[in-house]
Amino acid sequence: FQGKDITTWIWVGAIGGLGVAIAMAFKPMWANFLAPVYALLEGAFVGGISAFYSYATAKVAPGLILQAVGLTFGVVIAMYFLYRFKIIKATEKFKSIVITATVGVAIFYLIAMGLRFFQIDIPFLHEGSTLGILFSLVIVGLAAMNLILDFDMIEKGAAAGAPKYMEWYGAFGLLVTIVWLYIEILRLLSKLSSRN
């Protein structure tokens, strides 16, 4: 485990991925070129994060990464079937609640990162306390609900005969959510393992 190398992969993937995501948000017609670049950068980011967690939890939770990958795939498949069979419907009210909650979480994470620069930590964000685990469960649930929005956008775009580049844009949106879901599941499992 080379900490410096892993950190480099994480930062290259995170900053590069963010730059590409911002570019696609303003220019969706570039998605057929930028979505594969984003996927590669996120691969570097997810690989780096996974290596870090694997090393950090090797003694207390061997196999944590495989569990997180399996749970992520399980949640994605379950949410797809819940959407497909209209058990969960992407109504306008549902969308507004999920989007508002997601923006709220993003702002909270930005504040938490800002506080870390001043050596101020929000304990439940990183610790395996009951509150920390409940917080992670809520965030995993919110990430899962975002999958419904992605499936809805893809389905409606296809039905409306959206331009070809929107297929790539839909895949990009889905990948963003799946990566977020994986990271949150990884954090949850890490918190749970710290209680053993």
N, C-alpha and C. Protein backbone atom coordinates (compact mmCIF):
# COMPACT_ATOMS: atom_id res chain seq x y z
N PHE A 1 0.85 -1.20 0.00
CA PHE A 1 0.00 0.00 0.00
C PHE A 1 0.88 1.24 0.00
N GLN A 2 0.81 2.00 -1.04
CA GLN A 2 1.57 3.24 -1.15
C GLN A 2 0.59 4.40 -0.98
N GLY A 3 0.56 4.96 0.23
CA GLY A 3 -0.41 6.01 0.55
C GLY A 3 -0.37 7.18 -0.40
N LYS A 4 0.85 7.60 -0.78
CA LYS A 4 0.97 8.75 -1.68
C LYS A 4 0.38 8.44 -3.04
N ASP A 5 0.66 7.23 -3.56
CA ASP A 5 0.11 6.84 -4.87
C ASP A 5 -1.41 6.79 -4.85
N ILE A 6 -1.95 6.22 -3.78
CA ILE A 6 -3.41 6.11 -3.66
C ILE A 6 -4.04 7.49 -3.60
N THR A 7 -3.43 8.38 -2.81
CA THR A 7 -3.96 9.74 -2.69
C THR A 7 -3.94 10.44 -4.04
N THR A 8 -2.90 10.21 -4.82
CA THR A 8 -2.82 10.82 -6.16
C THR A 8 -3.97 10.34 -7.03
N TRP A 9 -4.22 9.02 -7.04
CA TRP A 9 -5.32 8.48 -7.84
C TRP A 9 -6.66 9.08 -7.39
N ILE A 10 -6.85 9.20 -6.08
CA ILE A 10 -8.11 9.74 -5.56
C ILE A 10 -8.29 11.17 -6.03
N TRP A 11 -7.24 12.00 -5.87
CA TRP A 11 -7.37 13.41 -6.24
C TRP A 11 -7.50 13.61 -7.75
N VAL A 12 -6.74 12.87 -8.53
CA VAL A 12 -6.85 12.98 -10.00
C VAL A 12 -8.26 12.60 -10.44
N GLY A 13 -8.76 11.47 -9.89
CA GLY A 13 -10.11 11.03 -10.24
C GLY A 13 -11.17 12.00 -9.79
N ALA A 14 -11.04 12.51 -8.55
CA ALA A 14 -12.07 13.41 -8.00
C ALA A 14 -12.09 14.75 -8.73
N ILE A 15 -10.94 15.38 -8.86
CA ILE A 15 -10.89 16.71 -9.47
C ILE A 15 -11.17 16.62 -10.97
N GLY A 16 -10.55 15.63 -11.64
CA GLY A 16 -10.81 15.46 -13.07
C GLY A 16 -12.26 15.13 -13.34
N GLY A 17 -12.82 14.22 -12.53
CA GLY A 17 -14.23 13.84 -12.68
C GLY A 17 -15.17 15.02 -12.46
N LEU A 18 -14.85 15.85 -11.45
CA LEU A 18 -15.68 17.03 -11.19
C LEU A 18 -15.63 17.99 -12.36
N GLY A 19 -14.43 18.20 -12.91
CA GLY A 19 -14.29 19.10 -14.06
C GLY A 19 -15.09 18.62 -15.27
N VAL A 20 -14.99 17.32 -15.54
CA VAL A 20 -15.72 16.75 -16.68
C VAL A 20 -17.23 16.81 -16.42
N ALA A 21 -17.66 16.54 -15.19
CA ALA A 21 -19.08 16.59 -14.85
C ALA A 21 -19.64 18.00 -15.03
N ILE A 22 -18.88 19.01 -14.61
CA ILE A 22 -19.33 20.40 -14.77
C ILE A 22 -19.43 20.74 -16.26
N ALA A 23 -18.44 20.30 -17.04
CA ALA A 23 -18.47 20.56 -18.49
C ALA A 23 -19.72 19.93 -19.11
N MET A 24 -20.05 18.70 -18.71
CA MET A 24 -21.23 18.03 -19.27
C MET A 24 -22.53 18.67 -18.81
N ALA A 25 -22.53 19.20 -17.59
CA ALA A 25 -23.74 19.86 -17.10
C ALA A 25 -24.09 21.07 -17.97
N PHE A 26 -23.06 21.77 -18.45
CA PHE A 26 -23.30 22.95 -19.28
C PHE A 26 -23.39 22.61 -20.77
N LYS A 27 -22.74 21.51 -21.18
CA LYS A 27 -22.74 21.11 -22.58
C LYS A 27 -23.09 19.63 -22.71
N PRO A 28 -24.38 19.27 -22.51
CA PRO A 28 -24.76 17.86 -22.60
C PRO A 28 -24.45 17.23 -23.96
N MET A 29 -24.38 18.05 -25.00
CA MET A 29 -24.10 17.49 -26.34
C MET A 29 -22.68 16.95 -26.47
N TRP A 30 -21.83 17.23 -25.50
CA TRP A 30 -20.47 16.68 -25.49
C TRP A 30 -20.41 15.34 -24.77
N ALA A 31 -21.55 14.87 -24.28
CA ALA A 31 -21.58 13.68 -23.43
C ALA A 31 -21.00 12.44 -24.10
N ASN A 32 -21.22 12.28 -25.41
CA ASN A 32 -20.71 11.07 -26.07
C ASN A 32 -19.17 11.03 -26.08
N PHE A 33 -18.52 12.19 -25.91
CA PHE A 33 -17.06 12.23 -25.80
C PHE A 33 -16.61 12.24 -24.33
N LEU A 34 -17.34 13.00 -23.52
CA LEU A 34 -16.90 13.21 -22.14
C LEU A 34 -17.33 12.11 -21.17
N ALA A 35 -18.45 11.43 -21.44
CA ALA A 35 -18.91 10.38 -20.51
C ALA A 35 -17.88 9.26 -20.34
N PRO A 36 -17.24 8.77 -21.42
CA PRO A 36 -16.20 7.75 -21.22
C PRO A 36 -15.00 8.27 -20.44
N VAL A 37 -14.65 9.55 -20.65
CA VAL A 37 -13.54 10.16 -19.89
C VAL A 37 -13.91 10.22 -18.42
N TYR A 38 -15.16 10.62 -18.15
CA TYR A 38 -15.64 10.66 -16.77
C TYR A 38 -15.59 9.27 -16.13
N ALA A 39 -15.99 8.26 -16.89
CA ALA A 39 -15.98 6.88 -16.36
C ALA A 39 -14.56 6.46 -15.98
N LEU A 40 -13.58 6.79 -16.81
CA LEU A 40 -12.18 6.46 -16.51
C LEU A 40 -11.69 7.18 -15.26
N LEU A 41 -12.02 8.46 -15.16
CA LEU A 41 -11.60 9.24 -13.99
C LEU A 41 -12.27 8.72 -12.71
N GLU A 42 -13.54 8.38 -12.82
CA GLU A 42 -14.23 7.83 -11.64
C GLU A 42 -13.68 6.46 -11.28
N GLY A 43 -13.22 5.72 -12.29
CA GLY A 43 -12.57 4.44 -12.01
C GLY A 43 -11.33 4.63 -11.16
N ALA A 44 -10.54 5.66 -11.49
CA ALA A 44 -9.34 5.98 -10.70
C ALA A 44 -9.74 6.38 -9.28
N PHE A 45 -10.77 7.21 -9.18
CA PHE A 45 -11.24 7.68 -7.87
C PHE A 45 -11.76 6.51 -7.02
N VAL A 46 -12.65 5.71 -7.59
CA VAL A 46 -13.24 4.59 -6.85
C VAL A 46 -12.17 3.55 -6.50
N GLY A 47 -11.24 3.31 -7.43
CA GLY A 47 -10.15 2.38 -7.14
C GLY A 47 -9.29 2.86 -5.98
N GLY A 48 -8.97 4.15 -5.97
CA GLY A 48 -8.17 4.72 -4.89
C GLY A 48 -8.88 4.65 -3.55
N ILE A 49 -10.16 5.05 -3.54
CA ILE A 49 -10.95 5.00 -2.30
C ILE A 49 -11.07 3.55 -1.81
N SER A 50 -11.31 2.63 -2.72
CA SER A 50 -11.45 1.23 -2.35
C SER A 50 -10.15 0.69 -1.75
N ALA A 51 -9.02 1.05 -2.36
CA ALA A 51 -7.72 0.61 -1.84
C ALA A 51 -7.49 1.16 -0.44
N PHE A 52 -7.86 2.42 -0.25
CA PHE A 52 -7.70 3.05 1.07
C PHE A 52 -8.53 2.31 2.13
N TYR A 53 -9.81 2.09 1.82
CA TYR A 53 -10.69 1.40 2.78
C TYR A 53 -10.24 -0.05 3.00
N SER A 54 -9.79 -0.69 1.95
CA SER A 54 -9.33 -2.08 2.07
C SER A 54 -8.15 -2.17 3.03
N TYR A 55 -7.21 -1.24 2.88
CA TYR A 55 -6.05 -1.21 3.76
C TYR A 55 -6.45 -0.86 5.20
N ALA A 56 -7.31 0.16 5.33
CA ALA A 56 -7.69 0.65 6.66
C ALA A 56 -8.51 -0.37 7.45
N THR A 57 -9.25 -1.24 6.77
CA THR A 57 -10.13 -2.18 7.48
C THR A 57 -9.69 -3.63 7.32
N ALA A 58 -8.47 -3.85 6.82
CA ALA A 58 -8.00 -5.21 6.52
C ALA A 58 -8.10 -6.15 7.72
N LYS A 59 -7.79 -5.64 8.91
CA LYS A 59 -7.77 -6.52 10.08
C LYS A 59 -9.16 -6.72 10.69
N VAL A 60 -9.97 -5.67 10.68
CA VAL A 60 -11.28 -5.77 11.33
C VAL A 60 -12.39 -6.21 10.39
N ALA A 61 -12.22 -5.93 9.08
CA ALA A 61 -13.29 -6.28 8.13
C ALA A 61 -12.72 -6.70 6.79
N PRO A 62 -12.06 -7.85 6.74
CA PRO A 62 -11.57 -8.30 5.43
C PRO A 62 -12.75 -8.57 4.50
N GLY A 63 -12.60 -8.23 3.25
CA GLY A 63 -13.70 -8.45 2.30
C GLY A 63 -14.70 -7.31 2.25
N LEU A 64 -14.37 -6.19 2.89
CA LEU A 64 -15.29 -5.05 2.94
C LEU A 64 -15.64 -4.53 1.54
N ILE A 65 -14.64 -4.49 0.65
CA ILE A 65 -14.86 -3.95 -0.69
C ILE A 65 -15.83 -4.83 -1.47
N LEU A 66 -15.64 -6.14 -1.40
CA LEU A 66 -16.56 -7.05 -2.11
C LEU A 66 -17.99 -6.92 -1.58
N GLN A 67 -18.10 -6.76 -0.26
CA GLN A 67 -19.44 -6.56 0.32
C GLN A 67 -20.07 -5.28 -0.21
N ALA A 68 -19.28 -4.20 -0.26
CA ALA A 68 -19.81 -2.91 -0.74
C ALA A 68 -20.22 -3.00 -2.21
N VAL A 69 -19.39 -3.67 -3.02
CA VAL A 69 -19.73 -3.82 -4.45
C VAL A 69 -21.01 -4.64 -4.59
N GLY A 70 -21.09 -5.75 -3.86
CA GLY A 70 -22.28 -6.60 -3.93
C GLY A 70 -23.54 -5.87 -3.50
N LEU A 71 -23.44 -5.13 -2.39
CA LEU A 71 -24.60 -4.36 -1.92
C LEU A 71 -24.99 -3.27 -2.91
N THR A 72 -23.99 -2.63 -3.51
CA THR A 72 -24.30 -1.58 -4.49
C THR A 72 -25.07 -2.15 -5.67
N PHE A 73 -24.58 -3.26 -6.22
CA PHE A 73 -25.29 -3.90 -7.34
C PHE A 73 -26.69 -4.34 -6.91
N GLY A 74 -26.79 -4.88 -5.70
CA GLY A 74 -28.09 -5.31 -5.20
C GLY A 74 -29.08 -4.17 -5.09
N VAL A 75 -28.62 -3.03 -4.57
CA VAL A 75 -29.50 -1.86 -4.43
C VAL A 75 -29.91 -1.33 -5.80
N VAL A 76 -28.95 -1.26 -6.73
CA VAL A 76 -29.27 -0.74 -8.08
C VAL A 76 -30.32 -1.63 -8.74
N ILE A 77 -30.13 -2.94 -8.67
CA ILE A 77 -31.09 -3.87 -9.29
C ILE A 77 -32.45 -3.78 -8.62
N ALA A 78 -32.45 -3.72 -7.28
CA ALA A 78 -33.72 -3.62 -6.55
C ALA A 78 -34.46 -2.33 -6.91
N MET A 79 -33.73 -1.22 -6.98
CA MET A 79 -34.38 0.06 -7.31
C MET A 79 -34.89 0.05 -8.75
N TYR A 80 -34.17 -0.61 -9.65
CA TYR A 80 -34.64 -0.70 -11.02
C TYR A 80 -35.98 -1.44 -11.08
N PHE A 81 -36.08 -2.55 -10.37
CA PHE A 81 -37.33 -3.31 -10.39
C PHE A 81 -38.46 -2.55 -9.69
N LEU A 82 -38.12 -1.84 -8.62
CA LEU A 82 -39.15 -1.02 -7.95
C LEU A 82 -39.66 0.07 -8.89
N TYR A 83 -38.76 0.62 -9.70
CA TYR A 83 -39.17 1.63 -10.67
C TYR A 83 -39.93 0.99 -11.83
N ARG A 84 -39.39 -0.09 -12.36
CA ARG A 84 -39.96 -0.75 -13.54
C ARG A 84 -41.39 -1.21 -13.30
N PHE A 85 -41.64 -1.76 -12.10
CA PHE A 85 -42.98 -2.26 -11.79
C PHE A 85 -43.85 -1.22 -11.09
N LYS A 86 -43.38 0.04 -11.15
CA LYS A 86 -44.13 1.19 -10.66
C LYS A 86 -44.50 1.09 -9.18
N ILE A 87 -43.67 0.41 -8.42
CA ILE A 87 -43.86 0.37 -6.96
C ILE A 87 -43.43 1.72 -6.38
N ILE A 88 -42.36 2.28 -6.95
CA ILE A 88 -41.96 3.66 -6.63
C ILE A 88 -42.10 4.45 -7.92
N LYS A 89 -42.89 5.51 -7.89
CA LYS A 89 -43.13 6.32 -9.08
C LYS A 89 -42.42 7.66 -8.93
N ALA A 90 -41.84 8.12 -10.04
CA ALA A 90 -41.12 9.40 -10.03
C ALA A 90 -42.10 10.54 -10.28
N THR A 91 -42.98 10.77 -9.29
CA THR A 91 -43.93 11.89 -9.39
C THR A 91 -43.18 13.20 -9.20
N GLU A 92 -43.83 14.30 -9.54
CA GLU A 92 -43.19 15.60 -9.37
C GLU A 92 -42.88 15.87 -7.90
N LYS A 93 -43.77 15.45 -7.00
CA LYS A 93 -43.54 15.65 -5.56
C LYS A 93 -42.33 14.82 -5.11
N PHE A 94 -42.27 13.57 -5.56
CA PHE A 94 -41.14 12.69 -5.22
C PHE A 94 -39.83 13.32 -5.69
N LYS A 95 -39.83 13.79 -6.96
CA LYS A 95 -38.62 14.40 -7.51
C LYS A 95 -38.18 15.62 -6.70
N SER A 96 -39.14 16.48 -6.36
CA SER A 96 -38.78 17.70 -5.64
C SER A 96 -38.21 17.38 -4.25
N ILE A 97 -38.78 16.38 -3.57
CA ILE A 97 -38.27 15.99 -2.25
C ILE A 97 -36.86 15.43 -2.36
N VAL A 98 -36.63 14.52 -3.32
CA VAL A 98 -35.32 13.89 -3.48
C VAL A 98 -34.27 14.93 -3.89
N ILE A 99 -34.62 15.81 -4.82
CA ILE A 99 -33.66 16.83 -5.27
C ILE A 99 -33.33 17.78 -4.13
N THR A 100 -34.34 18.23 -3.38
CA THR A 100 -34.11 19.14 -2.25
C THR A 100 -33.22 18.48 -1.20
N ALA A 101 -33.52 17.24 -0.87
CA ALA A 101 -32.72 16.52 0.14
C ALA A 101 -31.28 16.33 -0.35
N THR A 102 -31.11 16.03 -1.64
CA THR A 102 -29.77 15.82 -2.21
C THR A 102 -28.96 17.10 -2.17
N VAL A 103 -29.58 18.21 -2.54
CA VAL A 103 -28.89 19.51 -2.47
C VAL A 103 -28.52 19.83 -1.02
N GLY A 104 -29.43 19.54 -0.09
CA GLY A 104 -29.15 19.76 1.33
C GLY A 104 -27.95 18.96 1.80
N VAL A 105 -27.87 17.70 1.40
CA VAL A 105 -26.74 16.85 1.78
C VAL A 105 -25.44 17.38 1.15
N ALA A 106 -25.51 17.80 -0.10
CA ALA A 106 -24.32 18.34 -0.77
C ALA A 106 -23.81 19.57 -0.03
N ILE A 107 -24.72 20.46 0.38
CA ILE A 107 -24.32 21.66 1.13
C ILE A 107 -23.72 21.27 2.48
N PHE A 108 -24.34 20.29 3.14
CA PHE A 108 -23.83 19.81 4.43
C PHE A 108 -22.41 19.26 4.28
N TYR A 109 -22.18 18.46 3.23
CA TYR A 109 -20.84 17.90 3.00
C TYR A 109 -19.82 18.99 2.71
N LEU A 110 -20.23 20.02 1.95
CA LEU A 110 -19.32 21.14 1.67
C LEU A 110 -18.95 21.87 2.95
N ILE A 111 -19.94 22.09 3.82
CA ILE A 111 -19.67 22.74 5.11
C ILE A 111 -18.72 21.88 5.94
N ALA A 112 -18.97 20.57 5.97
CA ALA A 112 -18.12 19.64 6.73
C ALA A 112 -16.68 19.68 6.21
N MET A 113 -16.51 19.73 4.86
CA MET A 113 -15.16 19.81 4.29
C MET A 113 -14.50 21.14 4.66
N GLY A 114 -15.27 22.21 4.64
CA GLY A 114 -14.73 23.52 5.03
C GLY A 114 -14.29 23.52 6.49
N LEU A 115 -15.08 22.91 7.36
CA LEU A 115 -14.73 22.85 8.78
C LEU A 115 -13.47 22.02 9.02
N ARG A 116 -13.26 21.01 8.18
CA ARG A 116 -12.07 20.16 8.33
C ARG A 116 -10.78 20.93 8.11
N PHE A 117 -10.85 21.97 7.27
CA PHE A 117 -9.66 22.81 7.07
C PHE A 117 -9.25 23.51 8.37
N PHE A 118 -10.22 23.70 9.26
CA PHE A 118 -9.94 24.33 10.55
C PHE A 118 -9.86 23.30 11.67
N GLN A 119 -9.62 22.02 11.30
CA GLN A 119 -9.52 20.91 12.25
C GLN A 119 -10.77 20.73 13.11
N ILE A 120 -11.92 21.04 12.53
CA ILE A 120 -13.19 20.83 13.23
C ILE A 120 -13.89 19.67 12.53
N ASP A 121 -14.11 18.59 13.28
CA ASP A 121 -14.78 17.41 12.72
C ASP A 121 -16.21 17.31 13.23
N ILE A 122 -17.09 16.84 12.37
CA ILE A 122 -18.45 16.52 12.79
C ILE A 122 -18.42 15.03 13.14
N PRO A 123 -18.48 14.68 14.42
CA PRO A 123 -18.20 13.31 14.86
C PRO A 123 -19.01 12.23 14.15
N PHE A 124 -20.31 12.39 14.03
CA PHE A 124 -21.13 11.30 13.48
C PHE A 124 -20.88 11.07 11.99
N LEU A 125 -20.18 12.00 11.36
CA LEU A 125 -19.92 11.87 9.93
C LEU A 125 -18.92 10.75 9.64
N HIS A 126 -18.01 10.50 10.57
CA HIS A 126 -16.95 9.53 10.33
C HIS A 126 -16.90 8.40 11.35
N GLU A 127 -17.63 8.54 12.44
CA GLU A 127 -17.53 7.55 13.52
C GLU A 127 -18.67 6.55 13.46
N GLY A 128 -18.42 5.38 14.07
CA GLY A 128 -19.41 4.31 14.08
C GLY A 128 -20.40 4.38 15.21
N SER A 129 -20.72 5.59 15.65
CA SER A 129 -21.73 5.74 16.70
C SER A 129 -23.11 5.42 16.12
N THR A 130 -24.09 5.28 16.99
CA THR A 130 -25.46 5.01 16.52
C THR A 130 -25.93 6.12 15.60
N LEU A 131 -25.66 7.37 15.98
CA LEU A 131 -26.06 8.50 15.15
C LEU A 131 -25.33 8.47 13.80
N GLY A 132 -24.04 8.11 13.83
CA GLY A 132 -23.27 8.03 12.59
C GLY A 132 -23.81 6.97 11.64
N ILE A 133 -24.21 5.83 12.19
CA ILE A 133 -24.75 4.75 11.36
C ILE A 133 -26.12 5.14 10.82
N LEU A 134 -26.95 5.75 11.64
CA LEU A 134 -28.27 6.22 11.17
C LEU A 134 -28.11 7.25 10.05
N PHE A 135 -27.16 8.16 10.24
CA PHE A 135 -26.90 9.18 9.21
C PHE A 135 -26.50 8.50 7.89
N SER A 136 -25.59 7.53 7.97
CA SER A 136 -25.16 6.82 6.76
C SER A 136 -26.30 6.06 6.11
N LEU A 137 -27.17 5.45 6.91
CA LEU A 137 -28.32 4.74 6.36
C LEU A 137 -29.24 5.69 5.59
N VAL A 138 -29.45 6.88 6.15
CA VAL A 138 -30.31 7.88 5.49
C VAL A 138 -29.68 8.30 4.16
N ILE A 139 -28.37 8.52 4.17
CA ILE A 139 -27.68 8.96 2.94
C ILE A 139 -27.70 7.85 1.89
N VAL A 140 -27.50 6.61 2.31
CA VAL A 140 -27.59 5.48 1.36
C VAL A 140 -29.00 5.43 0.76
N GLY A 141 -30.02 5.61 1.60
CA GLY A 141 -31.39 5.63 1.12
C GLY A 141 -31.64 6.75 0.12
N LEU A 142 -31.08 7.92 0.41
CA LEU A 142 -31.24 9.06 -0.50
C LEU A 142 -30.54 8.80 -1.84
N ALA A 143 -29.34 8.24 -1.78
CA ALA A 143 -28.63 7.90 -3.02
C ALA A 143 -29.45 6.90 -3.83
N ALA A 144 -30.05 5.93 -3.15
CA ALA A 144 -30.89 4.93 -3.84
C ALA A 144 -32.10 5.60 -4.49
N MET A 145 -32.70 6.56 -3.82
CA MET A 145 -33.85 7.27 -4.38
C MET A 145 -33.46 8.06 -5.63
N ASN A 146 -32.23 8.54 -5.67
CA ASN A 146 -31.75 9.26 -6.85
C ASN A 146 -31.70 8.36 -8.08
N LEU A 147 -31.53 7.05 -7.87
CA LEU A 147 -31.57 6.12 -9.00
C LEU A 147 -32.92 6.18 -9.71
N ILE A 148 -33.99 6.36 -8.94
CA ILE A 148 -35.33 6.46 -9.53
C ILE A 148 -35.39 7.65 -10.48
N LEU A 149 -34.78 8.77 -10.07
CA LEU A 149 -34.76 9.96 -10.93
C LEU A 149 -33.97 9.68 -12.22
N ASP A 150 -32.86 8.95 -12.08
CA ASP A 150 -32.06 8.61 -13.26
C ASP A 150 -32.84 7.71 -14.22
N PHE A 151 -33.47 6.67 -13.68
CA PHE A 151 -34.25 5.76 -14.53
C PHE A 151 -35.38 6.52 -15.24
N ASP A 152 -36.01 7.44 -14.52
CA ASP A 152 -37.11 8.22 -15.08
C ASP A 152 -36.61 9.13 -16.21
N MET A 153 -35.47 9.78 -15.98
CA MET A 153 -34.91 10.67 -17.01
C MET A 153 -34.57 9.88 -18.27
N ILE A 154 -33.97 8.71 -18.10
CA ILE A 154 -33.59 7.88 -19.24
C ILE A 154 -34.83 7.40 -20.00
N GLU A 155 -35.83 6.93 -19.26
CA GLU A 155 -37.04 6.42 -19.90
C GLU A 155 -37.79 7.52 -20.64
N LYS A 156 -37.93 8.68 -20.00
CA LYS A 156 -38.66 9.78 -20.64
C LYS A 156 -37.90 10.32 -21.84
N GLY A 157 -36.58 10.36 -21.74
CA GLY A 157 -35.76 10.83 -22.86
C GLY A 157 -35.92 9.91 -24.06
N ALA A 158 -35.90 8.59 -23.81
CA ALA A 158 -36.07 7.62 -24.90
C ALA A 158 -37.45 7.75 -25.52
N ALA A 159 -38.48 7.92 -24.68
CA ALA A 159 -39.86 8.02 -25.18
C ALA A 159 -40.06 9.29 -26.01
N ALA A 160 -39.33 10.35 -25.63
CA ALA A 160 -39.49 11.62 -26.34
C ALA A 160 -38.61 11.71 -27.58
N GLY A 161 -37.81 10.67 -27.83
CA GLY A 161 -36.92 10.69 -28.99
C GLY A 161 -35.80 11.70 -28.83
N ALA A 162 -35.22 11.75 -27.64
CA ALA A 162 -34.14 12.70 -27.36
C ALA A 162 -32.96 12.43 -28.29
N PRO A 163 -32.12 13.44 -28.52
CA PRO A 163 -30.95 13.25 -29.39
C PRO A 163 -30.05 12.12 -28.88
N LYS A 164 -29.26 11.56 -29.78
CA LYS A 164 -28.41 10.41 -29.46
C LYS A 164 -27.46 10.69 -28.29
N TYR A 165 -26.94 11.92 -28.21
CA TYR A 165 -25.99 12.21 -27.13
C TYR A 165 -26.63 12.10 -25.75
N MET A 166 -27.96 12.17 -25.68
CA MET A 166 -28.64 12.06 -24.39
C MET A 166 -28.54 10.65 -23.81
N GLU A 167 -28.30 9.65 -24.66
CA GLU A 167 -28.06 8.31 -24.14
C GLU A 167 -26.80 8.31 -23.28
N TRP A 168 -25.75 8.98 -23.77
CA TRP A 168 -24.51 9.08 -23.01
C TRP A 168 -24.72 9.93 -21.76
N TYR A 169 -25.52 10.97 -21.90
CA TYR A 169 -25.77 11.85 -20.74
C TYR A 169 -26.53 11.09 -19.66
N GLY A 170 -27.51 10.27 -20.08
CA GLY A 170 -28.25 9.44 -19.13
C GLY A 170 -27.35 8.44 -18.43
N ALA A 171 -26.43 7.83 -19.20
CA ALA A 171 -25.47 6.88 -18.62
C ALA A 171 -24.55 7.59 -17.63
N PHE A 172 -24.14 8.81 -17.97
CA PHE A 172 -23.30 9.61 -17.08
C PHE A 172 -24.03 9.89 -15.76
N GLY A 173 -25.29 10.31 -15.86
CA GLY A 173 -26.08 10.59 -14.64
C GLY A 173 -26.22 9.36 -13.77
N LEU A 174 -26.46 8.23 -14.39
CA LEU A 174 -26.60 6.97 -13.66
C LEU A 174 -25.28 6.60 -12.98
N LEU A 175 -24.17 6.79 -13.68
CA LEU A 175 -22.86 6.47 -13.11
C LEU A 175 -22.55 7.35 -11.90
N VAL A 176 -22.87 8.64 -11.99
CA VAL A 176 -22.66 9.55 -10.86
C VAL A 176 -23.37 9.01 -9.61
N THR A 177 -24.62 8.61 -9.78
CA THR A 177 -25.41 8.12 -8.65
C THR A 177 -24.87 6.80 -8.13
N ILE A 178 -24.47 5.89 -9.02
CA ILE A 178 -23.96 4.59 -8.58
C ILE A 178 -22.65 4.75 -7.80
N VAL A 179 -21.78 5.65 -8.27
CA VAL A 179 -20.53 5.90 -7.55
C VAL A 179 -20.83 6.47 -6.16
N TRP A 180 -21.74 7.43 -6.09
CA TRP A 180 -22.11 8.01 -4.80
C TRP A 180 -22.67 6.92 -3.88
N LEU A 181 -23.55 6.10 -4.41
CA LEU A 181 -24.14 5.01 -3.62
C LEU A 181 -23.06 4.08 -3.10
N TYR A 182 -22.12 3.70 -3.96
CA TYR A 182 -21.04 2.80 -3.55
C TYR A 182 -20.21 3.40 -2.42
N ILE A 183 -19.83 4.67 -2.57
CA ILE A 183 -19.02 5.34 -1.54
C ILE A 183 -19.76 5.38 -0.21
N GLU A 184 -21.06 5.68 -0.26
CA GLU A 184 -21.84 5.76 0.98
C GLU A 184 -22.01 4.38 1.62
N ILE A 185 -22.20 3.35 0.80
CA ILE A 185 -22.29 1.98 1.35
C ILE A 185 -20.95 1.59 1.97
N LEU A 186 -19.86 1.95 1.32
CA LEU A 186 -18.53 1.67 1.85
C LEU A 186 -18.34 2.36 3.21
N ARG A 187 -18.76 3.60 3.30
CA ARG A 187 -18.64 4.33 4.58
C ARG A 187 -19.50 3.68 5.66
N LEU A 188 -20.71 3.26 5.28
CA LEU A 188 -21.60 2.61 6.25
C LEU A 188 -20.99 1.31 6.75
N LEU A 189 -20.49 0.49 5.84
CA LEU A 189 -19.89 -0.79 6.25
C LEU A 189 -18.65 -0.58 7.11
N SER A 190 -17.88 0.47 6.78
CA SER A 190 -16.70 0.79 7.57
C SER A 190 -17.09 1.20 8.98
N LYS A 191 -18.14 1.99 9.10
CA LYS A 191 -18.63 2.39 10.44
C LYS A 191 -19.10 1.18 11.22
N LEU A 192 -19.83 0.30 10.55
CA LEU A 192 -20.33 -0.90 11.23
C LEU A 192 -19.16 -1.79 11.68
N SER A 193 -18.13 -1.90 10.84
CA SER A 193 -16.98 -2.75 11.21
C SER A 193 -16.21 -2.17 12.38
N SER A 194 -16.25 -0.84 12.53
CA SER A 194 -15.51 -0.21 13.62
C SER A 194 -16.15 -0.48 14.99
N ARG A 195 -17.37 -0.95 14.97
CA ARG A 195 -18.08 -1.26 16.23
C ARG A 195 -17.73 -2.66 16.75
N ASN A 196 -17.12 -3.48 15.91
CA ASN A 196 -16.79 -4.86 16.32
C ASN A 196 -15.59 -4.91 17.23
